[in-house]
């Protein structure tokens, strides 16, 4: 007779997988210090914006007699009406012309230069140009104000919008080339080789392959340069003189001198100046996400 012995298996203990930092989910701790620092930073940013908005809706006579952090009981739009009637539209058009006239050429030139540097890296001339662009990042704008002023005078462009556009293009190119070149390097080399096998020229490869795949970087560079040029104050102050050539940041300074201690009017001009920047940011953020989906989702 054969006796069959069966062993009873004990239930094995199931262990939960460890987290990304080697800790189990039950052992994780909330970062209370980081959360508190985030809320403090939010307050530092939000309180000045809140104060600017509510002060721009206060009457000038009641500004000093009221609590600066309490909204007015009867808000008014007289400050905004005063700013709009003081050639604000002319200053807005000047800022739009300078920003668009500088961003579009700067991004186009930077994109073509970045493509040439990445695709022709073995050429000494292109390597030297890349080093020249990198050296341009180390030169601050304040150090070149006097040379730029003298060049603009020699070209007879002083007190014109062109005098603001040309230097803005020059200062926007170095960083744009660096960002776009790093992004083009991430494009697989096999895609360029397949385009060459199909008989495509470098110009066709530039606009049919590199441009769609680097759309997120192009949008990012465009938004960053637009915000930088829109908020520029030093170049308009040095290179323009006539009131009809002023941009919005320089116009804020003139509003402050014109209205004296009328703080609500100055802050109303600040709000009107900031609105286009907020619209550009909201629009650019949506376009940036769609560019990521269209460029790398194929």
C-alpha atoms as a PDB file:
ATOM      1  CA  UNK A   1       0.000   0.000   0.000  1.00  0.00           C
ATOM      2  CA  UNK A   2       1.309   3.359  -0.976  1.00  0.00           C
ATOM      3  CA  UNK A   3       0.711   6.234   1.311  1.00  0.00           C
ATOM      4  CA  UNK A   4       0.633   9.706  -0.227  1.00  0.00           C
ATOM      5  CA  UNK A   5       1.659  12.506   2.064  1.00  0.00           C
ATOM      6  CA  UNK A   6       0.433  15.991   1.236  1.00  0.00           C
ATOM      7  CA  UNK A   7       1.934  19.082   2.757  1.00  0.00           C
ATOM      8  CA  UNK A   8      -0.296  21.970   3.559  1.00  0.00           C
ATOM      9  CA  UNK A   9       0.994  25.179   2.064  1.00  0.00           C
ATOM     10  CA  UNK A  10       0.875  28.213   4.193  1.00  0.00           C
ATOM     11  CA  UNK A  11      -0.538  31.362   2.594  1.00  0.00           C
ATOM     12  CA  UNK A  12       2.279  33.563   1.413  1.00  0.00           C
ATOM     13  CA  UNK A  13       2.503  37.136   2.572  1.00  0.00           C
ATOM     14  CA  UNK A  14       1.811  39.634  -0.187  1.00  0.00           C
ATOM     15  CA  UNK A  15       4.152  42.589  -0.132  1.00  0.00           C
ATOM     16  CA  UNK A  16       3.183  45.875  -1.659  1.00  0.00           C
ATOM     17  CA  UNK A  17       5.527  47.334  -4.237  1.00  0.00           C
ATOM     18  CA  UNK A  18       7.775  50.067  -3.096  1.00  0.00           C
ATOM     19  CA  UNK A  19       7.271  53.626  -4.214  1.00  0.00           C
ATOM     20  CA  UNK A  20       9.488  55.594  -6.605  1.00  0.00           C
ATOM     21  CA  UNK A  21      11.811  56.581  -3.785  1.00  0.00           C
ATOM     22  CA  UNK A  22      12.080  53.097  -2.244  1.00  0.00           C
ATOM     23  CA  UNK A  23       9.371  53.773   0.378  1.00  0.00           C
ATOM     24  CA  UNK A  24       6.105  51.956   0.715  1.00  0.00           C
ATOM     25  CA  UNK A  25       2.895  53.939   0.282  1.00  0.00           C
ATOM     26  CA  UNK A  26       2.128  53.631   4.001  1.00  0.00           C
ATOM     27  CA  UNK A  27       5.545  54.996   4.866  1.00  0.00           C
ATOM     28  CA  UNK A  28       5.287  58.104   2.746  1.00  0.00           C
ATOM     29  CA  UNK A  29       5.043  61.432   4.473  1.00  0.00           C
ATOM     30  CA  UNK A  30       3.528  64.594   3.190  1.00  0.00           C
ATOM     31  CA  UNK A  31       5.881  67.458   2.495  1.00  0.00           C
ATOM     32  CA  UNK A  32       4.246  69.993   4.781  1.00  0.00           C
ATOM     33  CA  UNK A  33       7.222  72.345   4.618  1.00  0.00           C
ATOM     34  CA  UNK A  34       7.174  72.428   0.822  1.00  0.00           C
ATOM     35  CA  UNK A  35       3.408  72.997   0.774  1.00  0.00           C
ATOM     36  CA  UNK A  36       3.699  75.856   3.261  1.00  0.00           C
ATOM     37  CA  UNK A  37       6.470  77.456   1.196  1.00  0.00           C
ATOM     38  CA  UNK A  38       4.283  77.151  -1.918  1.00  0.00           C
ATOM     39  CA  UNK A  39       1.355  78.891  -0.219  1.00  0.00           C
ATOM     40  CA  UNK A  40       3.636  81.645   1.055  1.00  0.00           C
ATOM     41  CA  UNK A  41       5.007  82.210  -2.441  1.00  0.00           C
ATOM     42  CA  UNK A  42       1.444  82.299  -3.818  1.00  0.00           C
ATOM     43  CA  UNK A  43       0.567  84.981  -1.271  1.00  0.00           C
ATOM     44  CA  UNK A  44       3.660  87.010  -2.169  1.00  0.00           C
ATOM     45  CA  UNK A  45       2.618  86.955  -5.828  1.00  0.00           C
ATOM     46  CA  UNK A  46      -1.150  87.307  -5.416  1.00  0.00           C
ATOM     47  CA  UNK A  47      -1.312  90.138  -2.867  1.00  0.00           C
ATOM     48  CA  UNK A  48       0.389  92.773  -5.101  1.00  0.00           C
ATOM     49  CA  UNK A  49      -1.841  91.775  -8.027  1.00  0.00           C
ATOM     50  CA  UNK A  50      -4.927  92.023  -5.820  1.00  0.00           C
ATOM     51  CA  UNK A  51      -3.825  95.425  -4.496  1.00  0.00           C
ATOM     52  CA  UNK A  52      -3.153  96.710  -8.017  1.00  0.00           C
ATOM     53  CA  UNK A  53      -6.577  95.659  -9.269  1.00  0.00           C
ATOM     54  CA  UNK A  54      -8.642  97.063  -6.393  1.00  0.00           C
ATOM     55  CA  UNK A  55      -6.634 100.299  -6.249  1.00  0.00           C
ATOM     56  CA  UNK A  56      -7.180 100.955  -9.964  1.00  0.00           C
ATOM     57  CA  UNK A  57     -10.939 100.951  -9.264  1.00  0.00           C
ATOM     58  CA  UNK A  58     -10.743 103.499  -6.427  1.00  0.00           C
ATOM     59  CA  UNK A  59     -11.363 107.200  -6.673  1.00  0.00           C
ATOM     60  CA  UNK A  60      -8.320 109.433  -6.238  1.00  0.00           C
ATOM     61  CA  UNK A  61      -9.867 111.410  -3.399  1.00  0.00           C
ATOM     62  CA  UNK A  62     -10.659 108.276  -1.397  1.00  0.00           C
ATOM     63  CA  UNK A  63      -7.414 106.405  -1.986  1.00  0.00           C
ATOM     64  CA  UNK A  64      -5.442 107.752   0.996  1.00  0.00           C
ATOM     65  CA  UNK A  65      -8.453 107.721   3.323  1.00  0.00           C
ATOM     66  CA  UNK A  66      -9.258 104.023   2.849  1.00  0.00           C
ATOM     67  CA  UNK A  67      -7.595 100.750   3.767  1.00  0.00           C
ATOM     68  CA  UNK A  68      -5.270  99.806   0.876  1.00  0.00           C
ATOM     69  CA  UNK A  69      -6.294  96.112   1.021  1.00  0.00           C
ATOM     70  CA  UNK A  70     -10.055  96.709   1.229  1.00  0.00           C
ATOM     71  CA  UNK A  71     -11.984  97.106  -2.058  1.00  0.00           C
ATOM     72  CA  UNK A  72     -13.888 100.304  -2.641  1.00  0.00           C
ATOM     73  CA  UNK A  73     -17.573 100.325  -1.801  1.00  0.00           C
ATOM     74  CA  UNK A  74     -18.358 102.158  -5.055  1.00  0.00           C
ATOM     75  CA  UNK A  75     -15.720 101.195  -7.661  1.00  0.00           C
ATOM     76  CA  UNK A  76     -15.230 103.508 -10.614  1.00  0.00           C
ATOM     77  CA  UNK A  77     -13.746 103.239 -14.105  1.00  0.00           C
ATOM     78  CA  UNK A  78     -12.705 106.887 -14.310  1.00  0.00           C
ATOM     79  CA  UNK A  79      -9.041 105.967 -13.966  1.00  0.00           C
ATOM     80  CA  UNK A  80      -9.219 103.647 -16.974  1.00  0.00           C
ATOM     81  CA  UNK A  81     -11.085 106.286 -18.959  1.00  0.00           C
ATOM     82  CA  UNK A  82      -8.405 108.835 -18.130  1.00  0.00           C
ATOM     83  CA  UNK A  83      -5.615 106.489 -19.238  1.00  0.00           C
ATOM     84  CA  UNK A  84      -7.329 105.572 -22.506  1.00  0.00           C
ATOM     85  CA  UNK A  85      -7.888 109.234 -23.346  1.00  0.00           C
ATOM     86  CA  UNK A  86      -4.157 109.974 -22.825  1.00  0.00           C
ATOM     87  CA  UNK A  87      -2.928 108.418 -26.115  1.00  0.00           C
ATOM     88  CA  UNK A  88      -2.870 104.944 -24.622  1.00  0.00           C
ATOM     89  CA  UNK A  89      -3.977 103.433 -27.925  1.00  0.00           C
ATOM     90  CA  UNK A  90      -0.973 104.975 -29.709  1.00  0.00           C
ATOM     91  CA  UNK A  91       1.420 103.502 -27.159  1.00  0.00           C
ATOM     92  CA  UNK A  92      -0.291 100.124 -27.478  1.00  0.00           C
ATOM     93  CA  UNK A  93       0.084 100.125 -31.265  1.00  0.00           C
ATOM     94  CA  UNK A  94       3.760 101.044 -30.950  1.00  0.00           C
ATOM     95  CA  UNK A  95       4.363  98.117 -28.583  1.00  0.00           C
ATOM     96  CA  UNK A  96       2.570  95.711 -30.909  1.00  0.00           C
ATOM     97  CA  UNK A  97       4.577  96.896 -33.924  1.00  0.00           C
ATOM     98  CA  UNK A  98       7.906  96.643 -32.086  1.00  0.00           C
ATOM     99  CA  UNK A  99       7.116  93.237 -30.594  1.00  0.00           C
ATOM    100  CA  UNK A 100       5.832  91.649 -33.804  1.00  0.00           C
ATOM    101  CA  UNK A 101       8.518  93.303 -35.942  1.00  0.00           C
ATOM    102  CA  UNK A 102      11.256  91.897 -33.700  1.00  0.00           C
ATOM    103  CA  UNK A 103       9.916  88.453 -32.760  1.00  0.00           C
ATOM    104  CA  UNK A 104       9.049  87.192 -36.253  1.00  0.00           C
ATOM    105  CA  UNK A 105      12.445  87.913 -37.893  1.00  0.00           C
ATOM    106  CA  UNK A 106      14.350  86.804 -34.787  1.00  0.00           C
ATOM    107  CA  UNK A 107      12.597  83.426 -34.625  1.00  0.00           C
ATOM    108  CA  UNK A 108      12.961  82.794 -38.365  1.00  0.00           C
ATOM    109  CA  UNK A 109      16.663  83.639 -38.410  1.00  0.00           C
ATOM    110  CA  UNK A 110      17.283  81.684 -35.211  1.00  0.00           C
ATOM    111  CA  UNK A 111      15.492  78.602 -36.520  1.00  0.00           C
ATOM    112  CA  UNK A 112      17.449  78.532 -39.777  1.00  0.00           C
ATOM    113  CA  UNK A 113      20.717  79.194 -37.949  1.00  0.00           C
ATOM    114  CA  UNK A 114      20.016  76.421 -35.431  1.00  0.00           C
ATOM    115  CA  UNK A 115      19.216  73.972 -38.241  1.00  0.00           C
ATOM    116  CA  UNK A 116      22.426  74.857 -40.069  1.00  0.00           C
ATOM    117  CA  UNK A 117      24.502  74.473 -36.889  1.00  0.00           C
ATOM    118  CA  UNK A 118      23.032  71.056 -36.058  1.00  0.00           C
ATOM    119  CA  UNK A 119      23.144  69.652 -39.590  1.00  0.00           C
ATOM    120  CA  UNK A 120      26.566  71.091 -40.475  1.00  0.00           C
ATOM    121  CA  UNK A 121      28.336  70.683 -37.168  1.00  0.00           C
ATOM    122  CA  UNK A 122      31.512  69.413 -38.840  1.00  0.00           C
ATOM    123  CA  UNK A 123      32.094  72.729 -40.614  1.00  0.00           C
ATOM    124  CA  UNK A 124      34.423  75.093 -38.764  1.00  0.00           C
ATOM    125  CA  UNK A 125      32.484  78.161 -39.832  1.00  0.00           C
ATOM    126  CA  UNK A 126      29.263  76.879 -38.287  1.00  0.00           C
ATOM    127  CA  UNK A 127      31.027  75.848 -35.094  1.00  0.00           C
ATOM    128  CA  UNK A 128      32.482  79.342 -34.871  1.00  0.00           C
ATOM    129  CA  UNK A 129      29.020  80.837 -35.395  1.00  0.00           C
ATOM    130  CA  UNK A 130      27.633  78.670 -32.608  1.00  0.00           C
ATOM    131  CA  UNK A 131      30.369  79.914 -30.281  1.00  0.00           C
ATOM    132  CA  UNK A 132      29.560  83.480 -31.303  1.00  0.00           C
ATOM    133  CA  UNK A 133      25.902  82.981 -30.411  1.00  0.00           C
ATOM    134  CA  UNK A 134      26.839  81.471 -27.053  1.00  0.00           C
ATOM    135  CA  UNK A 135      29.129  84.419 -26.370  1.00  0.00           C
ATOM    136  CA  UNK A 136      26.203  86.736 -27.062  1.00  0.00           C
ATOM    137  CA  UNK A 137      24.404  85.250 -24.059  1.00  0.00           C
ATOM    138  CA  UNK A 138      27.163  86.500 -21.763  1.00  0.00           C
ATOM    139  CA  UNK A 139      26.842  90.153 -22.850  1.00  0.00           C
ATOM    140  CA  UNK A 140      24.112  92.034 -20.927  1.00  0.00           C
ATOM    141  CA  UNK A 141      21.922  94.620 -22.587  1.00  0.00           C
ATOM    142  CA  UNK A 142      23.075  97.406 -20.255  1.00  0.00           C
ATOM    143  CA  UNK A 143      26.693  96.988 -21.391  1.00  0.00           C
ATOM    144  CA  UNK A 144      25.810  97.665 -25.033  1.00  0.00           C
ATOM    145  CA  UNK A 145      23.503 100.659 -24.667  1.00  0.00           C
ATOM    146  CA  UNK A 146      26.121 103.240 -25.652  1.00  0.00           C
ATOM    147  CA  UNK A 147      27.421 101.327 -28.732  1.00  0.00           C
ATOM    148  CA  UNK A 148      23.868 100.636 -29.864  1.00  0.00           C
ATOM    149  CA  UNK A 149      22.976 104.301 -29.404  1.00  0.00           C
ATOM    150  CA  UNK A 150      25.955 105.418 -31.502  1.00  0.00           C
ATOM    151  CA  UNK A 151      25.135 102.902 -34.252  1.00  0.00           C
ATOM    152  CA  UNK A 152      21.520 104.050 -34.383  1.00  0.00           C
ATOM    153  CA  UNK A 153      22.670 107.672 -34.639  1.00  0.00           C
ATOM    154  CA  UNK A 154      25.054 106.802 -37.509  1.00  0.00           C
ATOM    155  CA  UNK A 155      22.232 105.000 -39.337  1.00  0.00           C
ATOM    156  CA  UNK A 156      19.903 108.015 -38.884  1.00  0.00           C
ATOM    157  CA  UNK A 157      17.292 105.824 -37.189  1.00  0.00           C
ATOM    158  CA  UNK A 158      17.064 107.632 -33.877  1.00  0.00           C
ATOM    159  CA  UNK A 159      13.567 108.307 -32.540  1.00  0.00           C
ATOM    160  CA  UNK A 160      11.899 105.664 -34.716  1.00  0.00           C
ATOM    161  CA  UNK A 161      10.333 102.267 -34.139  1.00  0.00           C
ATOM    162  CA  UNK A 162      12.998 100.702 -36.357  1.00  0.00           C
ATOM    163  CA  UNK A 163      15.595 101.796 -33.816  1.00  0.00           C
ATOM    164  CA  UNK A 164      13.805  99.592 -31.272  1.00  0.00           C
ATOM    165  CA  UNK A 165      13.193  96.636 -33.576  1.00  0.00           C
ATOM    166  CA  UNK A 166      16.756  96.071 -34.826  1.00  0.00           C
ATOM    167  CA  UNK A 167      18.478  95.819 -31.402  1.00  0.00           C
ATOM    168  CA  UNK A 168      15.622  93.681 -30.096  1.00  0.00           C
ATOM    169  CA  UNK A 169      16.202  91.198 -32.925  1.00  0.00           C
ATOM    170  CA  UNK A 170      19.917  91.066 -32.180  1.00  0.00           C
ATOM    171  CA  UNK A 171      19.413  90.402 -28.458  1.00  0.00           C
ATOM    172  CA  UNK A 172      16.719  87.759 -29.051  1.00  0.00           C
ATOM    173  CA  UNK A 173      18.756  85.609 -31.463  1.00  0.00           C
ATOM    174  CA  UNK A 174      21.427  84.049 -29.134  1.00  0.00           C
ATOM    175  CA  UNK A 175      19.045  82.417 -26.659  1.00  0.00           C
ATOM    176  CA  UNK A 176      16.653  81.406 -29.443  1.00  0.00           C
ATOM    177  CA  UNK A 177      19.442  79.655 -31.361  1.00  0.00           C
ATOM    178  CA  UNK A 178      20.553  77.797 -28.234  1.00  0.00           C
ATOM    179  CA  UNK A 179      17.054  76.515 -27.418  1.00  0.00           C
ATOM    180  CA  UNK A 180      16.161  75.589 -31.001  1.00  0.00           C
ATOM    181  CA  UNK A 181      19.499  73.881 -31.663  1.00  0.00           C
ATOM    182  CA  UNK A 182      19.134  71.684 -28.586  1.00  0.00           C
ATOM    183  CA  UNK A 183      15.616  70.777 -29.671  1.00  0.00           C
ATOM    184  CA  UNK A 184      16.619  69.944 -33.257  1.00  0.00           C
ATOM    185  CA  UNK A 185      19.360  67.619 -31.939  1.00  0.00           C
ATOM    186  CA  UNK A 186      16.640  65.501 -30.343  1.00  0.00           C
ATOM    187  CA  UNK A 187      15.059  64.780 -33.727  1.00  0.00           C
ATOM    188  CA  UNK A 188      16.109  61.259 -34.819  1.00  0.00           C
ATOM    189  CA  UNK A 189      18.814  61.291 -37.455  1.00  0.00           C
ATOM    190  CA  UNK A 190      17.024  58.527 -39.374  1.00  0.00           C
ATOM    191  CA  UNK A 191      14.243  60.950 -40.276  1.00  0.00           C
ATOM    192  CA  UNK A 192      16.713  63.318 -41.942  1.00  0.00           C
ATOM    193  CA  UNK A 193      18.340  60.395 -43.750  1.00  0.00           C
ATOM    194  CA  UNK A 194      14.995  59.168 -45.051  1.00  0.00           C
ATOM    195  CA  UNK A 195      14.172  62.628 -46.363  1.00  0.00           C
ATOM    196  CA  UNK A 196      17.531  62.730 -48.145  1.00  0.00           C
ATOM    197  CA  UNK A 197      16.893  59.282 -49.686  1.00  0.00           C
ATOM    198  CA  UNK A 198      13.545  60.519 -50.982  1.00  0.00           C
ATOM    199  CA  UNK A 199      15.370  63.329 -52.784  1.00  0.00           C
ATOM    200  CA  UNK A 200      14.353  66.214 -50.538  1.00  0.00           C
ATOM    201  CA  UNK A 201      16.578  69.263 -50.412  1.00  0.00           C
ATOM    202  CA  UNK A 202      17.811  70.852 -47.200  1.00  0.00           C
ATOM    203  CA  UNK A 203      15.278  73.636 -47.607  1.00  0.00           C
ATOM    204  CA  UNK A 204      12.440  71.110 -47.923  1.00  0.00           C
ATOM    205  CA  UNK A 205      13.738  69.150 -44.933  1.00  0.00           C
ATOM    206  CA  UNK A 206      13.918  72.360 -42.933  1.00  0.00           C
ATOM    207  CA  UNK A 207      10.275  73.329 -43.401  1.00  0.00           C
ATOM    208  CA  UNK A 208       8.634  69.906 -43.926  1.00  0.00           C
ATOM    209  CA  UNK A 209      10.421  67.932 -41.202  1.00  0.00           C
ATOM    210  CA  UNK A 210      12.311  70.111 -38.730  1.00  0.00           C
ATOM    211  CA  UNK A 211       9.688  72.849 -38.420  1.00  0.00           C
ATOM    212  CA  UNK A 212       6.709  70.594 -37.497  1.00  0.00           C
ATOM    213  CA  UNK A 213       8.756  68.527 -35.032  1.00  0.00           C
ATOM    214  CA  UNK A 214      10.221  71.591 -33.310  1.00  0.00           C
ATOM    215  CA  UNK A 215       6.948  73.506 -33.131  1.00  0.00           C
ATOM    216  CA  UNK A 216       6.823  73.431 -29.297  1.00  0.00           C
ATOM    217  CA  UNK A 217      10.293  74.979 -29.093  1.00  0.00           C
ATOM    218  CA  UNK A 218       9.412  77.608 -31.708  1.00  0.00           C
ATOM    219  CA  UNK A 219       6.292  78.590 -29.765  1.00  0.00           C
ATOM    220  CA  UNK A 220       8.178  78.702 -26.484  1.00  0.00           C
ATOM    221  CA  UNK A 221      10.927  80.907 -27.924  1.00  0.00           C
ATOM    222  CA  UNK A 222       8.365  83.185 -29.572  1.00  0.00           C
ATOM    223  CA  UNK A 223       6.400  83.671 -26.356  1.00  0.00           C
ATOM    224  CA  UNK A 224       9.522  84.304 -24.280  1.00  0.00           C
ATOM    225  CA  UNK A 225      10.915  86.860 -26.741  1.00  0.00           C
ATOM    226  CA  UNK A 226       7.521  88.559 -27.076  1.00  0.00           C
ATOM    227  CA  UNK A 227       7.208  88.998 -23.316  1.00  0.00           C
ATOM    228  CA  UNK A 228      10.783  90.266 -23.029  1.00  0.00           C
ATOM    229  CA  UNK A 229      10.408  92.828 -25.812  1.00  0.00           C
ATOM    230  CA  UNK A 230       6.925  93.889 -24.674  1.00  0.00           C
ATOM    231  CA  UNK A 231       8.232  94.668 -21.176  1.00  0.00           C
ATOM    232  CA  UNK A 232      11.405  96.372 -22.429  1.00  0.00           C
ATOM    233  CA  UNK A 233      12.078  99.793 -20.924  1.00  0.00           C
ATOM    234  CA  UNK A 234      15.754 100.636 -21.439  1.00  0.00           C
ATOM    235  CA  UNK A 235      15.866 100.668 -25.255  1.00  0.00           C
ATOM    236  CA  UNK A 236      12.717 102.825 -25.680  1.00  0.00           C
ATOM    237  CA  UNK A 237      14.065 105.231 -23.050  1.00  0.00           C
ATOM    238  CA  UNK A 238      17.440 105.651 -24.780  1.00  0.00           C
ATOM    239  CA  UNK A 239      16.530 105.360 -28.473  1.00  0.00           C
ATOM    240  CA  UNK A 240      13.283 107.373 -28.622  1.00  0.00           C
ATOM    241  CA  UNK A 241      12.347 110.917 -27.711  1.00  0.00           C
ATOM    242  CA  UNK A 242       9.020 111.850 -29.283  1.00  0.00           C
ATOM    243  CA  UNK A 243       5.813 111.083 -27.331  1.00  0.00           C
ATOM    244  CA  UNK A 244       4.281 109.324 -30.354  1.00  0.00           C
ATOM    245  CA  UNK A 245       7.183 106.802 -30.413  1.00  0.00           C
ATOM    246  CA  UNK A 246       6.777 105.626 -26.831  1.00  0.00           C
ATOM    247  CA  UNK A 247       5.899 102.047 -25.957  1.00  0.00           C
ATOM    248  CA  UNK A 248       3.699 100.974 -23.053  1.00  0.00           C
ATOM    249  CA  UNK A 249       6.431 100.502 -20.395  1.00  0.00           C
ATOM    250  CA  UNK A 250       7.809 103.956 -21.164  1.00  0.00           C
ATOM    251  CA  UNK A 251       4.268 105.357 -21.219  1.00  0.00           C
ATOM    252  CA  UNK A 252       3.750 104.123 -17.646  1.00  0.00           C
ATOM    253  CA  UNK A 253       6.636 106.316 -16.586  1.00  0.00           C
ATOM    254  CA  UNK A 254       5.099 109.317 -18.335  1.00  0.00           C
ATOM    255  CA  UNK A 255       1.724 108.611 -16.726  1.00  0.00           C
ATOM    256  CA  UNK A 256       3.374 108.704 -13.357  1.00  0.00           C
ATOM    257  CA  UNK A 257       4.891 112.081 -14.113  1.00  0.00           C
ATOM    258  CA  UNK A 258       1.728 113.423 -15.668  1.00  0.00           C
ATOM    259  CA  UNK A 259      -0.670 112.490 -12.913  1.00  0.00           C
ATOM    260  CA  UNK A 260       1.730 113.057 -10.050  1.00  0.00           C
ATOM    261  CA  UNK A 261       0.458 111.273  -6.956  1.00  0.00           C
ATOM    262  CA  UNK A 262      -2.585 109.839  -8.740  1.00  0.00           C
ATOM    263  CA  UNK A 263      -1.730 106.248  -7.830  1.00  0.00           C
ATOM    264  CA  UNK A 264      -5.060 104.731  -9.017  1.00  0.00           C
ATOM    265  CA  UNK A 265      -4.518 106.144 -12.534  1.00  0.00           C
ATOM    266  CA  UNK A 266      -0.988 104.743 -12.681  1.00  0.00           C
ATOM    267  CA  UNK A 267      -2.190 101.313 -11.573  1.00  0.00           C
ATOM    268  CA  UNK A 268      -5.016 101.434 -14.110  1.00  0.00           C
ATOM    269  CA  UNK A 269      -2.361 101.903 -16.796  1.00  0.00           C
ATOM    270  CA  UNK A 270      -0.464  98.947 -15.301  1.00  0.00           C
ATOM    271  CA  UNK A 271      -3.557  96.746 -15.544  1.00  0.00           C
ATOM    272  CA  UNK A 272      -4.190  97.728 -19.172  1.00  0.00           C
ATOM    273  CA  UNK A 273      -0.550  97.058 -20.000  1.00  0.00           C
ATOM    274  CA  UNK A 274      -0.624  93.627 -18.352  1.00  0.00           C
ATOM    275  CA  UNK A 275      -3.814  92.400 -20.031  1.00  0.00           C
ATOM    276  CA  UNK A 276      -2.174  91.697 -23.440  1.00  0.00           C
ATOM    277  CA  UNK A 277       0.595  89.777 -21.672  1.00  0.00           C
ATOM    278  CA  UNK A 278      -1.956  87.588 -19.873  1.00  0.00           C
ATOM    279  CA  UNK A 279      -3.843  86.953 -23.117  1.00  0.00           C
ATOM    280  CA  UNK A 280      -0.608  86.019 -24.880  1.00  0.00           C
ATOM    281  CA  UNK A 281       0.322  83.656 -22.073  1.00  0.00           C
ATOM    282  CA  UNK A 282      -3.082  81.938 -22.091  1.00  0.00           C
ATOM    283  CA  UNK A 283      -3.063  81.625 -25.869  1.00  0.00           C
ATOM    284  CA  UNK A 284       0.553  80.448 -25.985  1.00  0.00           C
ATOM    285  CA  UNK A 285       0.009  77.836 -23.287  1.00  0.00           C
ATOM    286  CA  UNK A 286      -2.834  76.251 -25.239  1.00  0.00           C
ATOM    287  CA  UNK A 287      -0.886  76.375 -28.493  1.00  0.00           C
ATOM    288  CA  UNK A 288       2.162  74.888 -26.800  1.00  0.00           C
ATOM    289  CA  UNK A 289       0.204  71.841 -25.639  1.00  0.00           C
ATOM    290  CA  UNK A 290      -1.340  71.380 -29.070  1.00  0.00           C
ATOM    291  CA  UNK A 291       2.103  71.698 -30.637  1.00  0.00           C
ATOM    292  CA  UNK A 292       3.422  68.930 -28.405  1.00  0.00           C
ATOM    293  CA  UNK A 293       0.530  66.683 -29.432  1.00  0.00           C
ATOM    294  CA  UNK A 294       0.889  67.466 -33.160  1.00  0.00           C
ATOM    295  CA  UNK A 295       4.656  67.266 -33.240  1.00  0.00           C
ATOM    296  CA  UNK A 296       5.328  64.086 -31.298  1.00  0.00           C
ATOM    297  CA  UNK A 297       1.991  62.323 -31.313  1.00  0.00           C
ATOM    298  CA  UNK A 298       2.354  61.125 -34.880  1.00  0.00           C
END
